[in-house]
Structures are given as C-alpha cells and as structure tokens.
Amino acid sequence: MWKKLSKWWQRSQQPLAPEIQKFEQTMVINQQNYLIAVAQQRDVADVFAVEEAAYHGFAPWPLEVFADEIARTNERLYLILRATTTNEIVAYAGAVFAAGAKDAHVTNLAVLPAWQRQGLAQALLTYMMSLAVQHYYQSMTLEVQVDNSEARQLYQKLGFNDLRLRRDYYGPGVDAQEMRVSLGGEL
C-alpha cells in the first residue's frame, strides 16, 4: 500500500520524469532512420509548419499556442520526429499527462504529407502510449475528425475505441469522434 501511495504522490507532483523532457534517440521506422526528441522552443516554427502542411494550409491553433504548449513541460509532452537524411522535422505528436489524472490525452498528431503512410504517426503514438503506461496512466484519449477514416483506422489498429461523438468540435458542422484506449497502467 505504501509503495502505491508513494508512486501516486510522485506522479501527482510531476507527472513526467524530468529525464523524459530532455531525451532524444534514434528510431528506425521502415528501414529509415529518424531522431525522436522532445520539442524545444527552437522547434516551434517547424512544428507549426508540419501542422499547416498536414491540414492543407490551415493550422487549427495559432503559432503562439504551439509555443505555449511546448513550454508547458510539467504536464505537456511534444515529441518531434526528424528525418536524419534531411534533418527536417517530418512529424510530431503532443499529449497532456496531467497530474493526478487517470487518462493521458493526445492533443496533436501530424505528419508532413510527403512522409505520410510510412508508419510515422503509428510510431509516435505508440511511443506516447508506452510513456503513459510507464507513468501509470490507465488510458489515453484523443479526438479525430469523424470523416478522417485513415486516422480512425490507425487508432483502431492501436486499440482505440469510440467513446462519444462531439458535435461541432472542430467548427460548425465538423464533428469529432472521441476515442479511448485502455492501457492498464493502474497503480
């Protein structure tokens, strides 16, 4: 009991270990080398560019929001995936690991169009899910546009199930499907 309480207390104070906020490593995806690292303020413009390209010139959040999100390292984690051949940020994912919460929440996941369908989104999301398990989160949630069938198929492949429909979530007439995957990370 004391061990569980101690783990809960640590997580409630700082949901992500400080060493996670500074890591980077090489990752091989489909025989291509990438550097996966925590996004820094110097990466904000590149992350924003990935978002704009993935959403066909429209970023749902302004640049300042990305800067703020990336700066909130106590319970936000933004990972970038950099192609080692070009040194370009080609994908990123963001998630909230809130203190005391049972669910981690994916805020963003985007891949440059030229790099899509190569397993990058799956690799980033799988990595985020593993971090959530390591930090004792019981589940992970996200929202996806109802008509984004490719993304929904990926999420279902990773175990996400439909939770509820959120009407007009992305604007008038643009609904989101909230999805959840159980991670089994109970204390």
N, C-alpha and C. Protein backbone atom coordinates (compact mmCIF):
# COMPACT_ATOMS: atom_id res chain seq x y z
N MET A 1 0.82 -1.19 0.00
CA MET A 1 0.00 0.00 0.00
C MET A 1 0.87 1.26 0.00
N TRP A 2 1.91 1.27 0.85
CA TRP A 2 2.78 2.43 0.93
C TRP A 2 3.45 2.70 -0.41
N LYS A 3 3.87 1.64 -1.11
CA LYS A 3 4.52 1.78 -2.41
C LYS A 3 3.58 2.44 -3.43
N LYS A 4 2.32 2.00 -3.44
CA LYS A 4 1.33 2.59 -4.35
C LYS A 4 1.10 4.06 -4.02
N LEU A 5 0.98 4.37 -2.74
CA LEU A 5 0.76 5.75 -2.32
C LEU A 5 1.96 6.61 -2.71
N SER A 6 3.15 6.10 -2.52
CA SER A 6 4.35 6.83 -2.87
C SER A 6 4.41 7.12 -4.37
N LYS A 7 4.08 6.13 -5.19
CA LYS A 7 4.06 6.33 -6.65
C LYS A 7 3.01 7.36 -7.04
N TRP A 8 1.84 7.28 -6.42
CA TRP A 8 0.79 8.25 -6.71
C TRP A 8 1.25 9.66 -6.36
N TRP A 9 1.87 9.82 -5.19
CA TRP A 9 2.32 11.14 -4.76
C TRP A 9 3.35 11.70 -5.72
N GLN A 10 4.31 10.88 -6.13
CA GLN A 10 5.32 11.35 -7.08
C GLN A 10 4.67 11.81 -8.38
N ARG A 11 3.74 11.02 -8.89
CA ARG A 11 3.09 11.37 -10.15
C ARG A 11 2.23 12.62 -10.01
N SER A 12 1.63 12.81 -8.84
CA SER A 12 0.78 13.99 -8.66
C SER A 12 1.61 15.27 -8.61
N GLN A 13 2.87 15.16 -8.22
CA GLN A 13 3.73 16.34 -8.15
C GLN A 13 4.35 16.69 -9.50
N GLN A 14 4.79 15.70 -10.23
CA GLN A 14 5.40 15.90 -11.55
C GLN A 14 5.06 14.67 -12.37
N PRO A 15 4.05 14.77 -13.24
CA PRO A 15 3.59 13.58 -13.95
C PRO A 15 4.64 12.95 -14.87
N LEU A 16 5.54 13.73 -15.40
CA LEU A 16 6.57 13.18 -16.27
C LEU A 16 7.94 13.37 -15.64
N ALA A 17 8.71 12.32 -15.64
CA ALA A 17 10.05 12.39 -15.07
C ALA A 17 10.88 13.44 -15.81
N PRO A 18 11.68 14.22 -15.09
CA PRO A 18 12.49 15.26 -15.73
C PRO A 18 13.38 14.75 -16.86
N GLU A 19 13.88 13.52 -16.72
CA GLU A 19 14.76 12.99 -17.77
C GLU A 19 14.02 12.76 -19.10
N ILE A 20 12.72 12.56 -19.04
CA ILE A 20 11.94 12.40 -20.27
C ILE A 20 11.92 13.70 -21.05
N GLN A 21 11.92 14.82 -20.35
CA GLN A 21 11.85 16.12 -21.01
C GLN A 21 13.12 16.46 -21.79
N LYS A 22 14.17 15.69 -21.63
CA LYS A 22 15.43 16.03 -22.28
C LYS A 22 15.96 14.93 -23.20
N PHE A 23 15.22 13.88 -23.40
CA PHE A 23 15.76 12.74 -24.12
C PHE A 23 15.72 12.95 -25.64
N GLU A 24 16.57 12.21 -26.31
CA GLU A 24 16.49 12.04 -27.76
C GLU A 24 17.16 10.72 -28.09
N GLN A 25 16.66 10.08 -29.13
CA GLN A 25 17.24 8.81 -29.54
C GLN A 25 16.92 8.57 -31.00
N THR A 26 17.69 7.69 -31.60
CA THR A 26 17.45 7.30 -32.98
C THR A 26 16.41 6.20 -33.01
N MET A 27 15.54 6.27 -33.99
CA MET A 27 14.47 5.29 -34.16
C MET A 27 14.46 4.88 -35.63
N VAL A 28 14.34 3.59 -35.89
CA VAL A 28 14.25 3.10 -37.26
C VAL A 28 12.79 2.74 -37.54
N ILE A 29 12.24 3.36 -38.58
CA ILE A 29 10.87 3.10 -39.00
C ILE A 29 10.91 2.77 -40.49
N ASN A 30 10.48 1.58 -40.83
CA ASN A 30 10.50 1.13 -42.23
C ASN A 30 11.87 1.36 -42.88
N GLN A 31 12.90 0.94 -42.19
CA GLN A 31 14.28 0.97 -42.67
C GLN A 31 14.81 2.38 -42.92
N GLN A 32 14.21 3.37 -42.30
CA GLN A 32 14.65 4.76 -42.39
C GLN A 32 14.99 5.23 -40.98
N ASN A 33 16.09 5.94 -40.82
CA ASN A 33 16.49 6.45 -39.51
C ASN A 33 15.85 7.81 -39.23
N TYR A 34 15.37 7.94 -38.01
CA TYR A 34 14.78 9.19 -37.54
C TYR A 34 15.34 9.48 -36.16
N LEU A 35 15.36 10.74 -35.81
CA LEU A 35 15.69 11.15 -34.46
C LEU A 35 14.37 11.53 -33.80
N ILE A 36 14.06 10.88 -32.69
CA ILE A 36 12.88 11.26 -31.91
C ILE A 36 13.39 12.02 -30.70
N ALA A 37 12.78 13.17 -30.45
CA ALA A 37 13.24 14.04 -29.37
C ALA A 37 12.07 14.86 -28.85
N VAL A 38 12.26 15.42 -27.68
CA VAL A 38 11.27 16.33 -27.11
C VAL A 38 11.39 17.67 -27.83
N ALA A 39 10.27 18.21 -28.27
CA ALA A 39 10.27 19.51 -28.95
C ALA A 39 10.73 20.60 -27.99
N GLN A 40 11.53 21.50 -28.52
CA GLN A 40 12.03 22.65 -27.77
C GLN A 40 11.46 23.92 -28.40
N GLN A 41 11.65 25.04 -27.75
CA GLN A 41 11.14 26.30 -28.29
C GLN A 41 11.71 26.59 -29.68
N ARG A 42 12.93 26.21 -29.94
CA ARG A 42 13.52 26.43 -31.26
C ARG A 42 12.81 25.63 -32.36
N ASP A 43 12.00 24.65 -31.98
CA ASP A 43 11.28 23.80 -32.94
C ASP A 43 9.87 24.30 -33.24
N VAL A 44 9.40 25.32 -32.56
CA VAL A 44 8.00 25.75 -32.67
C VAL A 44 7.62 26.05 -34.11
N ALA A 45 8.41 26.82 -34.82
CA ALA A 45 8.06 27.19 -36.21
C ALA A 45 7.98 25.95 -37.10
N ASP A 46 8.89 25.00 -36.91
CA ASP A 46 8.87 23.78 -37.72
C ASP A 46 7.67 22.90 -37.38
N VAL A 47 7.33 22.81 -36.10
CA VAL A 47 6.15 22.04 -35.68
C VAL A 47 4.90 22.68 -36.28
N PHE A 48 4.83 23.99 -36.23
CA PHE A 48 3.70 24.72 -36.80
C PHE A 48 3.61 24.47 -38.31
N ALA A 49 4.75 24.43 -38.99
CA ALA A 49 4.77 24.17 -40.44
C ALA A 49 4.26 22.76 -40.75
N VAL A 50 4.61 21.79 -39.92
CA VAL A 50 4.09 20.42 -40.11
C VAL A 50 2.57 20.44 -39.96
N GLU A 51 2.08 21.12 -38.94
CA GLU A 51 0.64 21.21 -38.70
C GLU A 51 -0.07 21.86 -39.89
N GLU A 52 0.46 22.98 -40.36
CA GLU A 52 -0.15 23.66 -41.51
C GLU A 52 -0.17 22.77 -42.75
N ALA A 53 0.93 22.11 -43.02
CA ALA A 53 1.00 21.24 -44.20
C ALA A 53 0.04 20.06 -44.08
N ALA A 54 -0.03 19.48 -42.90
CA ALA A 54 -0.92 18.33 -42.70
C ALA A 54 -2.39 18.72 -42.82
N TYR A 55 -2.70 19.96 -42.47
CA TYR A 55 -4.08 20.45 -42.56
C TYR A 55 -4.28 21.34 -43.79
N HIS A 56 -3.47 21.14 -44.81
CA HIS A 56 -3.62 21.81 -46.11
C HIS A 56 -3.64 23.33 -46.00
N GLY A 57 -2.66 23.86 -45.26
CA GLY A 57 -2.50 25.31 -45.16
C GLY A 57 -3.23 25.96 -44.00
N PHE A 58 -3.95 25.18 -43.22
CA PHE A 58 -4.69 25.74 -42.10
C PHE A 58 -4.26 25.03 -40.82
N ALA A 59 -3.70 25.77 -39.90
CA ALA A 59 -3.35 25.20 -38.59
C ALA A 59 -4.47 25.53 -37.61
N PRO A 60 -5.04 24.51 -36.96
CA PRO A 60 -6.13 24.76 -36.01
C PRO A 60 -5.75 25.69 -34.86
N TRP A 61 -4.47 25.70 -34.49
CA TRP A 61 -4.00 26.56 -33.41
C TRP A 61 -3.05 27.61 -33.97
N PRO A 62 -3.05 28.82 -33.41
CA PRO A 62 -2.05 29.81 -33.82
C PRO A 62 -0.66 29.42 -33.31
N LEU A 63 0.35 29.99 -33.92
CA LEU A 63 1.75 29.72 -33.56
C LEU A 63 2.00 29.92 -32.07
N GLU A 64 1.41 30.95 -31.49
CA GLU A 64 1.62 31.27 -30.07
C GLU A 64 1.12 30.15 -29.16
N VAL A 65 0.06 29.48 -29.56
CA VAL A 65 -0.45 28.37 -28.75
C VAL A 65 0.54 27.21 -28.77
N PHE A 66 1.12 26.93 -29.94
CA PHE A 66 2.15 25.88 -30.00
C PHE A 66 3.33 26.23 -29.09
N ALA A 67 3.76 27.48 -29.13
CA ALA A 67 4.88 27.90 -28.28
C ALA A 67 4.54 27.70 -26.81
N ASP A 68 3.33 28.07 -26.42
CA ASP A 68 2.89 27.91 -25.03
C ASP A 68 2.81 26.43 -24.65
N GLU A 69 2.23 25.62 -25.52
CA GLU A 69 2.10 24.19 -25.24
C GLU A 69 3.47 23.53 -25.05
N ILE A 70 4.39 23.83 -25.94
CA ILE A 70 5.73 23.22 -25.87
C ILE A 70 6.47 23.70 -24.62
N ALA A 71 6.19 24.92 -24.18
CA ALA A 71 6.85 25.46 -22.97
C ALA A 71 6.31 24.83 -21.69
N ARG A 72 5.12 24.27 -21.72
CA ARG A 72 4.48 23.73 -20.51
C ARG A 72 4.97 22.30 -20.25
N THR A 73 6.22 22.17 -19.89
CA THR A 73 6.84 20.85 -19.78
C THR A 73 6.46 20.09 -18.52
N ASN A 74 5.76 20.72 -17.59
CA ASN A 74 5.40 19.98 -16.38
C ASN A 74 4.35 18.90 -16.66
N GLU A 75 3.43 19.15 -17.61
CA GLU A 75 2.46 18.10 -17.92
C GLU A 75 2.12 17.99 -19.40
N ARG A 76 2.89 18.64 -20.23
CA ARG A 76 2.73 18.52 -21.67
C ARG A 76 4.00 17.88 -22.23
N LEU A 77 3.83 17.07 -23.25
CA LEU A 77 4.99 16.48 -23.91
C LEU A 77 4.74 16.52 -25.41
N TYR A 78 5.63 17.18 -26.11
CA TYR A 78 5.59 17.24 -27.57
C TYR A 78 6.84 16.57 -28.10
N LEU A 79 6.63 15.53 -28.88
CA LEU A 79 7.73 14.79 -29.48
C LEU A 79 7.83 15.15 -30.95
N ILE A 80 9.05 15.32 -31.43
CA ILE A 80 9.27 15.56 -32.85
C ILE A 80 9.99 14.35 -33.43
N LEU A 81 9.77 14.14 -34.70
CA LEU A 81 10.45 13.09 -35.45
C LEU A 81 11.19 13.79 -36.58
N ARG A 82 12.51 13.69 -36.55
CA ARG A 82 13.36 14.37 -37.52
C ARG A 82 13.99 13.32 -38.44
N ALA A 83 13.81 13.48 -39.74
CA ALA A 83 14.45 12.58 -40.70
C ALA A 83 15.95 12.85 -40.68
N THR A 84 16.74 11.82 -40.45
CA THR A 84 18.19 12.03 -40.35
C THR A 84 18.80 12.36 -41.71
N THR A 85 18.15 11.97 -42.79
CA THR A 85 18.69 12.25 -44.13
C THR A 85 18.58 13.73 -44.49
N THR A 86 17.55 14.40 -43.99
CA THR A 86 17.33 15.81 -44.34
C THR A 86 17.42 16.76 -43.15
N ASN A 87 17.45 16.21 -41.94
CA ASN A 87 17.43 16.97 -40.69
C ASN A 87 16.14 17.79 -40.54
N GLU A 88 15.10 17.40 -41.26
CA GLU A 88 13.82 18.10 -41.26
C GLU A 88 12.87 17.43 -40.27
N ILE A 89 12.12 18.25 -39.52
CA ILE A 89 11.05 17.70 -38.69
C ILE A 89 9.92 17.30 -39.63
N VAL A 90 9.61 16.01 -39.64
CA VAL A 90 8.62 15.48 -40.58
C VAL A 90 7.32 15.07 -39.89
N ALA A 91 7.34 14.99 -38.57
CA ALA A 91 6.14 14.60 -37.82
C ALA A 91 6.30 15.04 -36.37
N TYR A 92 5.18 15.15 -35.70
CA TYR A 92 5.22 15.44 -34.27
C TYR A 92 3.94 14.94 -33.63
N ALA A 93 4.00 14.78 -32.32
CA ALA A 93 2.84 14.40 -31.52
C ALA A 93 2.90 15.15 -30.20
N GLY A 94 1.74 15.52 -29.70
CA GLY A 94 1.65 16.19 -28.41
C GLY A 94 0.65 15.48 -27.52
N ALA A 95 0.91 15.51 -26.23
CA ALA A 95 -0.02 14.88 -25.28
C ALA A 95 0.05 15.60 -23.94
N VAL A 96 -1.06 15.47 -23.21
CA VAL A 96 -1.16 16.00 -21.86
C VAL A 96 -1.07 14.83 -20.90
N PHE A 97 -0.15 14.94 -19.95
CA PHE A 97 0.00 13.97 -18.87
C PHE A 97 -0.28 14.72 -17.57
N ALA A 98 -1.55 14.96 -17.29
CA ALA A 98 -1.95 15.81 -16.17
C ALA A 98 -1.73 15.10 -14.83
N ALA A 99 -1.26 15.88 -13.87
CA ALA A 99 -1.03 15.35 -12.53
C ALA A 99 -2.33 14.85 -11.93
N GLY A 100 -2.29 13.66 -11.38
CA GLY A 100 -3.44 13.09 -10.71
C GLY A 100 -4.52 12.52 -11.62
N ALA A 101 -4.37 12.68 -12.92
CA ALA A 101 -5.39 12.18 -13.86
C ALA A 101 -5.16 10.69 -14.14
N LYS A 102 -6.22 10.03 -14.56
CA LYS A 102 -6.12 8.62 -14.94
C LYS A 102 -5.88 8.46 -16.44
N ASP A 103 -6.25 9.49 -17.20
CA ASP A 103 -6.12 9.44 -18.65
C ASP A 103 -5.05 10.42 -19.12
N ALA A 104 -4.19 9.96 -20.01
CA ALA A 104 -3.34 10.85 -20.78
C ALA A 104 -4.15 11.24 -22.01
N HIS A 105 -3.89 12.40 -22.58
CA HIS A 105 -4.70 12.87 -23.70
C HIS A 105 -3.82 13.36 -24.85
N VAL A 106 -4.02 12.80 -26.02
CA VAL A 106 -3.28 13.22 -27.22
C VAL A 106 -3.92 14.51 -27.72
N THR A 107 -3.11 15.56 -27.81
CA THR A 107 -3.61 16.85 -28.28
C THR A 107 -3.39 17.02 -29.78
N ASN A 108 -2.29 16.51 -30.28
CA ASN A 108 -1.93 16.71 -31.68
C ASN A 108 -1.15 15.52 -32.20
N LEU A 109 -1.32 15.25 -33.48
CA LEU A 109 -0.53 14.24 -34.18
C LEU A 109 -0.57 14.63 -35.65
N ALA A 110 0.58 14.95 -36.22
CA ALA A 110 0.60 15.39 -37.62
C ALA A 110 1.89 14.93 -38.29
N VAL A 111 1.77 14.65 -39.58
CA VAL A 111 2.89 14.20 -40.40
C VAL A 111 2.87 15.00 -41.70
N LEU A 112 4.04 15.46 -42.15
CA LEU A 112 4.10 16.15 -43.43
C LEU A 112 3.51 15.26 -44.52
N PRO A 113 2.72 15.81 -45.44
CA PRO A 113 2.08 14.99 -46.47
C PRO A 113 3.03 14.06 -47.23
N ALA A 114 4.21 14.51 -47.57
CA ALA A 114 5.16 13.68 -48.33
C ALA A 114 5.67 12.49 -47.51
N TRP A 115 5.50 12.53 -46.20
CA TRP A 115 6.00 11.49 -45.31
C TRP A 115 4.88 10.63 -44.74
N GLN A 116 3.66 10.89 -45.13
CA GLN A 116 2.53 10.12 -44.61
C GLN A 116 2.51 8.71 -45.16
N ARG A 117 1.80 7.83 -44.46
CA ARG A 117 1.64 6.42 -44.82
C ARG A 117 2.96 5.65 -44.81
N GLN A 118 3.86 6.08 -43.93
CA GLN A 118 5.14 5.39 -43.77
C GLN A 118 5.34 4.89 -42.34
N GLY A 119 4.29 4.94 -41.54
CA GLY A 119 4.36 4.42 -40.18
C GLY A 119 4.81 5.42 -39.13
N LEU A 120 4.96 6.69 -39.51
CA LEU A 120 5.47 7.68 -38.56
C LEU A 120 4.45 8.02 -37.47
N ALA A 121 3.20 8.23 -37.86
CA ALA A 121 2.16 8.54 -36.87
C ALA A 121 2.00 7.36 -35.91
N GLN A 122 2.01 6.16 -36.44
CA GLN A 122 1.88 4.98 -35.58
C GLN A 122 3.04 4.89 -34.61
N ALA A 123 4.25 5.15 -35.08
CA ALA A 123 5.42 5.08 -34.20
C ALA A 123 5.34 6.13 -33.08
N LEU A 124 4.98 7.35 -33.44
CA LEU A 124 4.86 8.40 -32.42
C LEU A 124 3.77 8.10 -31.41
N LEU A 125 2.62 7.67 -31.89
CA LEU A 125 1.52 7.38 -30.98
C LEU A 125 1.84 6.18 -30.09
N THR A 126 2.46 5.17 -30.64
CA THR A 126 2.86 4.00 -29.85
C THR A 126 3.85 4.41 -28.76
N TYR A 127 4.77 5.30 -29.11
CA TYR A 127 5.74 5.79 -28.14
C TYR A 127 5.03 6.55 -27.01
N MET A 128 4.09 7.42 -27.38
CA MET A 128 3.33 8.16 -26.36
C MET A 128 2.55 7.20 -25.45
N MET A 129 1.97 6.17 -26.06
CA MET A 129 1.22 5.19 -25.27
C MET A 129 2.15 4.48 -24.29
N SER A 130 3.36 4.14 -24.72
CA SER A 130 4.29 3.45 -23.82
C SER A 130 4.70 4.36 -22.66
N LEU A 131 4.88 5.65 -22.94
CA LEU A 131 5.19 6.58 -21.85
C LEU A 131 4.03 6.68 -20.87
N ALA A 132 2.82 6.68 -21.38
CA ALA A 132 1.65 6.73 -20.50
C ALA A 132 1.60 5.50 -19.59
N VAL A 133 1.89 4.34 -20.14
CA VAL A 133 1.92 3.11 -19.34
C VAL A 133 3.00 3.21 -18.27
N GLN A 134 4.19 3.66 -18.65
CA GLN A 134 5.30 3.78 -17.70
C GLN A 134 4.98 4.74 -16.56
N HIS A 135 4.10 5.68 -16.81
CA HIS A 135 3.74 6.67 -15.79
C HIS A 135 2.37 6.40 -15.17
N TYR A 136 1.92 5.15 -15.32
CA TYR A 136 0.75 4.63 -14.61
C TYR A 136 -0.59 5.25 -15.03
N TYR A 137 -0.67 5.74 -16.25
CA TYR A 137 -1.97 6.21 -16.74
C TYR A 137 -2.77 4.99 -17.16
N GLN A 138 -4.06 5.01 -16.86
CA GLN A 138 -4.92 3.87 -17.15
C GLN A 138 -5.41 3.85 -18.58
N SER A 139 -5.48 5.02 -19.20
CA SER A 139 -5.98 5.07 -20.57
C SER A 139 -5.44 6.31 -21.27
N MET A 140 -5.68 6.36 -22.56
CA MET A 140 -5.30 7.50 -23.38
C MET A 140 -6.49 7.85 -24.25
N THR A 141 -6.75 9.14 -24.38
CA THR A 141 -7.87 9.60 -25.20
C THR A 141 -7.36 10.52 -26.29
N LEU A 142 -8.20 10.72 -27.29
CA LEU A 142 -7.92 11.66 -28.37
C LEU A 142 -9.22 11.98 -29.08
N GLU A 143 -9.20 13.03 -29.89
CA GLU A 143 -10.32 13.34 -30.77
C GLU A 143 -9.81 13.29 -32.20
N VAL A 144 -10.70 12.89 -33.10
CA VAL A 144 -10.37 12.81 -34.52
C VAL A 144 -11.60 13.23 -35.30
N GLN A 145 -11.37 13.94 -36.41
CA GLN A 145 -12.50 14.31 -37.26
C GLN A 145 -13.21 13.05 -37.72
N VAL A 146 -14.53 13.08 -37.64
CA VAL A 146 -15.34 11.91 -37.97
C VAL A 146 -15.03 11.40 -39.38
N ASP A 147 -14.79 12.31 -40.31
CA ASP A 147 -14.56 11.89 -41.70
C ASP A 147 -13.10 11.55 -42.02
N ASN A 148 -12.23 11.55 -41.02
CA ASN A 148 -10.82 11.19 -41.24
C ASN A 148 -10.67 9.68 -41.05
N SER A 149 -11.09 8.93 -42.06
CA SER A 149 -11.13 7.47 -41.94
C SER A 149 -9.75 6.85 -41.79
N GLU A 150 -8.73 7.41 -42.45
CA GLU A 150 -7.38 6.83 -42.32
C GLU A 150 -6.88 6.93 -40.88
N ALA A 151 -7.04 8.09 -40.27
CA ALA A 151 -6.60 8.26 -38.89
C ALA A 151 -7.41 7.36 -37.96
N ARG A 152 -8.70 7.30 -38.16
CA ARG A 152 -9.54 6.45 -37.31
C ARG A 152 -9.13 4.99 -37.42
N GLN A 153 -8.79 4.54 -38.62
CA GLN A 153 -8.33 3.15 -38.80
C GLN A 153 -7.03 2.91 -38.05
N LEU A 154 -6.12 3.87 -38.11
CA LEU A 154 -4.86 3.74 -37.36
C LEU A 154 -5.15 3.64 -35.87
N TYR A 155 -5.99 4.51 -35.36
CA TYR A 155 -6.28 4.50 -33.93
C TYR A 155 -6.95 3.19 -33.51
N GLN A 156 -7.85 2.70 -34.34
CA GLN A 156 -8.50 1.42 -34.04
C GLN A 156 -7.48 0.28 -34.05
N LYS A 157 -6.54 0.33 -34.98
CA LYS A 157 -5.48 -0.68 -35.05
C LYS A 157 -4.66 -0.70 -33.76
N LEU A 158 -4.50 0.47 -33.14
CA LEU A 158 -3.74 0.58 -31.90
C LEU A 158 -4.60 0.33 -30.66
N GLY A 159 -5.86 -0.04 -30.86
CA GLY A 159 -6.72 -0.41 -29.74
C GLY A 159 -7.69 0.65 -29.27
N PHE A 160 -7.70 1.81 -29.91
CA PHE A 160 -8.64 2.86 -29.53
C PHE A 160 -10.05 2.47 -29.94
N ASN A 161 -11.01 2.79 -29.09
CA ASN A 161 -12.43 2.54 -29.36
C ASN A 161 -13.19 3.85 -29.28
N ASP A 162 -14.28 3.93 -30.02
CA ASP A 162 -15.13 5.11 -29.99
C ASP A 162 -15.69 5.30 -28.59
N LEU A 163 -15.61 6.52 -28.10
CA LEU A 163 -16.12 6.85 -26.77
C LEU A 163 -17.41 7.67 -26.88
N ARG A 164 -17.33 8.77 -27.62
CA ARG A 164 -18.53 9.59 -27.83
C ARG A 164 -18.30 10.53 -29.01
N LEU A 165 -19.40 10.96 -29.59
CA LEU A 165 -19.38 11.92 -30.68
C LEU A 165 -19.43 13.32 -30.09
N ARG A 166 -18.59 14.20 -30.59
CA ARG A 166 -18.57 15.59 -30.12
C ARG A 166 -18.95 16.49 -31.29
N ARG A 167 -20.19 16.93 -31.28
CA ARG A 167 -20.74 17.75 -32.36
C ARG A 167 -20.05 19.12 -32.44
N ASP A 168 -19.77 19.53 -33.67
CA ASP A 168 -19.20 20.86 -33.96
C ASP A 168 -17.87 21.11 -33.24
N TYR A 169 -17.16 20.07 -32.89
CA TYR A 169 -15.91 20.18 -32.13
C TYR A 169 -14.86 20.99 -32.88
N TYR A 170 -14.74 20.76 -34.18
CA TYR A 170 -13.75 21.46 -34.99
C TYR A 170 -14.33 22.67 -35.71
N GLY A 171 -15.55 23.03 -35.39
CA GLY A 171 -16.23 24.15 -36.03
C GLY A 171 -17.62 23.72 -36.45
N PRO A 172 -18.42 24.67 -36.94
CA PRO A 172 -19.79 24.33 -37.33
C PRO A 172 -19.84 23.20 -38.36
N GLY A 173 -20.55 22.15 -38.02
CA GLY A 173 -20.73 21.03 -38.94
C GLY A 173 -19.55 20.08 -39.04
N VAL A 174 -18.51 20.29 -38.23
CA VAL A 174 -17.33 19.43 -38.27
C VAL A 174 -17.22 18.70 -36.93
N ASP A 175 -17.70 17.47 -36.92
CA ASP A 175 -17.77 16.69 -35.69
C ASP A 175 -16.48 15.92 -35.43
N ALA A 176 -16.27 15.62 -34.16
CA ALA A 176 -15.13 14.80 -33.75
C ALA A 176 -15.64 13.53 -33.09
N GLN A 177 -14.87 12.48 -33.27
CA GLN A 177 -15.11 11.25 -32.54
C GLN A 177 -14.07 11.19 -31.43
N GLU A 178 -14.52 11.15 -30.20
CA GLU A 178 -13.57 10.97 -29.10
C GLU A 178 -13.32 9.47 -28.98
N MET A 179 -12.04 9.12 -28.86
CA MET A 179 -11.65 7.71 -28.80
C MET A 179 -10.79 7.49 -27.56
N ARG A 180 -10.78 6.24 -27.10
CA ARG A 180 -10.05 5.90 -25.87
C ARG A 180 -9.46 4.51 -26.01
N VAL A 181 -8.25 4.36 -25.46
CA VAL A 181 -7.64 3.04 -25.38
C VAL A 181 -7.29 2.79 -23.91
N SER A 182 -7.57 1.59 -23.45
CA SER A 182 -7.21 1.20 -22.09
C SER A 182 -5.75 0.77 -22.10
N LEU A 183 -4.99 1.27 -21.14
CA LEU A 183 -3.56 0.97 -21.07
C LEU A 183 -3.21 0.04 -19.91
N GLY A 184 -4.11 -0.09 -18.97
CA GLY A 184 -3.85 -0.97 -17.84
C GLY A 184 -2.75 -0.49 -16.93
N GLY A 185 -2.55 0.82 -16.84
CA GLY A 185 -1.46 1.35 -16.04
C GLY A 185 -1.83 1.69 -14.62
N GLU A 186 -2.74 0.94 -14.00
CA GLU A 186 -3.17 1.27 -12.64
C GLU A 186 -2.01 1.15 -11.66
N LEU A 187 -2.08 1.95 -10.61
CA LEU A 187 -1.08 1.88 -9.55
C LEU A 187 -1.33 0.68 -8.68
